[in-house]
Every structure is written in C-alpha cells, then in structure tokens.
Amino acid sequence: MQIGDLAGKLVLFKFSEEIRIDLPLFQIYKDEVWAAVTGVDNEGIWIENPAYELGVWWDEKGDLIPPNKQVKEKVKTNILIPWRYIKALMSVEDERFQKAKNEILPGFKDYK
C-alpha cells in the first residue's frame, strides 16, 4: 500500500509522545485514534473529526453573538497531523473497515 492510497479510508493512527499534550485542542484525547483520511501531502496527513464541538460566535448575518448567548455545535473539521508526529498507521483492507457512509465514525468519541 502507498500512503496516497489512504485518502478516503478509515485509518488507525498512533501519535508520537511529543504531540500528546496538544491533541486535546483538536478534541483527540488519546495518542491513538481511528479517523477518516481526507488528504495526504508533503507536510502530513489530513484527518476528519466529524463532530468537533465549536462555539458559534456569529449569527447568519455575520453579527457577533453575545458571549452569554453563544452555543456549541458539532461541526465537521479537518486536522493536519504533520508526519513527524505520526508514529504508526494501520489500514484494514476489509471493506467493512473503510470510511463509513454516515457521520458517525469511531475514534473521536470512542477514544475519549
């Protein structure tokens, strides 16, 4: 398998110790996570968090919402993990382990 072949697949990531302290910023709570790969480039691998909890600061008109009325919503995000922080990757060739057709993916919730 080539690294480029991982795009669009569900992959198990094992991160290096040096990035562990920064992972909670991306709502990754362990140094291992299953994630869908959304892209591969020279800098690293892009992974998807389908349910990142983000505070909504602006309304539909672009006006700032007062802090006491802001709410958190789950949004789909893409996170770049630089190559130097990836210790190991695992891809499963069985079709049942490929990217799910819905928004519920293991990893970001199951590994909290």
Protein backbone atom coordinates (compact mmCIF):
# COMPACT_ATOMS: atom_id res chain seq x y z
CA MET A 1 0.00 0.00 0.00
CA GLN A 2 1.12 3.54 -0.75
CA ILE A 3 0.46 6.49 1.58
CA GLY A 4 -1.64 8.22 -1.08
CA ASP A 5 -3.98 5.21 -1.11
CA LEU A 6 -5.13 6.09 2.44
CA ALA A 7 -7.19 9.10 1.27
CA GLY A 8 -10.86 8.37 1.87
CA LYS A 9 -10.19 5.43 4.19
CA LEU A 10 -10.62 4.85 7.89
CA VAL A 11 -7.15 4.53 9.44
CA LEU A 12 -5.83 3.86 12.94
CA PHE A 13 -3.26 6.50 13.97
CA LYS A 14 -0.66 6.17 16.72
CA PHE A 15 0.84 9.56 17.54
CA SER A 16 4.26 10.29 18.98
CA GLU A 17 4.63 11.35 22.60
CA GLU A 18 5.71 14.89 21.71
CA ILE A 19 2.29 15.84 20.27
CA ARG A 20 0.24 14.22 23.04
CA ILE A 21 -0.10 17.43 25.11
CA ASP A 22 -1.55 19.29 22.08
CA LEU A 23 -4.09 16.64 21.00
CA PRO A 24 -6.96 17.82 23.29
CA LEU A 25 -7.03 21.12 21.37
CA PHE A 26 -8.27 19.05 18.42
CA GLN A 27 -10.59 17.02 20.68
CA ILE A 28 -8.36 13.97 20.41
CA TYR A 29 -7.92 12.58 23.91
CA LYS A 30 -5.50 9.68 23.44
CA ASP A 31 -2.41 9.11 21.38
CA GLU A 32 -4.31 6.65 19.20
CA VAL A 33 -7.44 7.31 17.16
CA TRP A 34 -9.39 5.91 14.22
CA ALA A 35 -10.01 8.68 11.70
CA ALA A 36 -11.02 9.14 8.08
CA VAL A 37 -8.14 10.43 5.97
CA THR A 38 -9.23 13.40 3.87
CA GLY A 39 -5.88 14.15 2.26
CA VAL A 40 -2.19 13.35 2.11
CA ASP A 41 0.53 15.87 1.25
CA ASN A 42 4.20 16.59 1.83
CA GLU A 43 3.52 18.16 5.25
CA GLY A 44 1.42 15.34 6.72
CA ILE A 45 -1.99 13.68 6.71
CA TRP A 46 -5.34 15.45 6.94
CA ILE A 47 -7.88 13.65 9.11
CA GLU A 48 -11.55 14.34 9.69
CA ASN A 49 -13.23 14.99 13.00
CA PRO A 50 -16.93 14.73 12.07
CA ALA A 51 -18.18 16.14 15.38
CA TYR A 52 -15.81 18.82 16.62
CA GLU A 53 -17.60 20.91 19.27
CA LEU A 54 -17.15 24.55 18.38
CA GLY A 55 -18.72 27.64 19.92
CA VAL A 56 -20.80 29.61 17.43
CA TRP A 57 -19.71 33.25 17.68
CA TRP A 58 -21.59 34.83 14.76
CA ASP A 59 -25.19 34.70 13.60
CA GLU A 60 -26.39 34.19 10.00
CA LYS A 61 -25.92 37.93 9.26
CA GLY A 62 -22.31 37.88 10.45
CA ASP A 63 -23.04 39.78 13.66
CA LEU A 64 -21.22 38.80 16.84
CA ILE A 65 -23.37 36.82 19.29
CA PRO A 66 -23.07 37.99 22.91
CA PRO A 67 -20.96 35.50 24.96
CA ASN A 68 -23.89 34.56 27.21
CA LYS A 69 -25.95 33.51 24.13
CA GLN A 70 -23.26 31.59 22.29
CA VAL A 71 -23.88 27.86 21.90
CA LYS A 72 -21.65 24.94 20.97
CA GLU A 73 -22.42 22.99 17.84
CA LYS A 74 -20.84 19.92 16.30
CA VAL A 75 -19.13 20.71 13.02
CA LYS A 76 -17.01 18.68 10.62
CA THR A 77 -13.34 19.70 10.70
CA ASN A 78 -10.13 18.62 9.02
CA ILE A 79 -6.93 18.43 11.04
CA LEU A 80 -3.41 18.32 9.61
CA ILE A 81 -1.15 15.95 11.51
CA PRO A 82 2.48 16.60 10.48
CA TRP A 83 4.50 13.50 9.54
CA ARG A 84 6.93 13.92 12.45
CA TYR A 85 4.10 13.32 14.95
CA ILE A 86 2.82 10.10 13.40
CA LYS A 87 4.40 7.04 14.99
CA ALA A 88 2.38 4.41 13.10
CA LEU A 89 -0.62 3.95 10.80
CA MET A 90 -2.85 0.94 10.22
CA SER A 91 -5.30 0.47 7.40
CA VAL A 92 -7.63 -2.51 7.17
CA GLU A 93 -8.34 -3.82 3.68
CA ASP A 94 -11.70 -5.35 4.64
CA GLU A 95 -14.49 -3.22 3.11
CA ARG A 96 -16.34 -3.09 6.43
CA PHE A 97 -13.45 -1.00 7.82
CA GLN A 98 -13.47 1.61 5.11
CA LYS A 99 -14.92 5.07 5.62
CA ALA A 100 -18.48 4.91 6.92
CA LYS A 101 -21.28 6.30 4.78
CA ASN A 102 -22.69 8.35 7.66
CA GLU A 103 -21.31 10.96 10.05
CA ILE A 104 -20.74 8.52 12.93
CA LEU A 105 -17.14 7.36 12.88
CA PRO A 106 -15.17 5.68 15.63
CA GLY A 107 -12.24 7.40 17.19
CA PHE A 108 -13.00 10.88 18.35
CA LYS A 109 -15.83 9.75 20.61
CA ASP A 110 -14.80 6.18 21.40
CA TYR A 111 -11.27 7.05 22.49
CA LYS A 112 -12.15 9.88 24.93
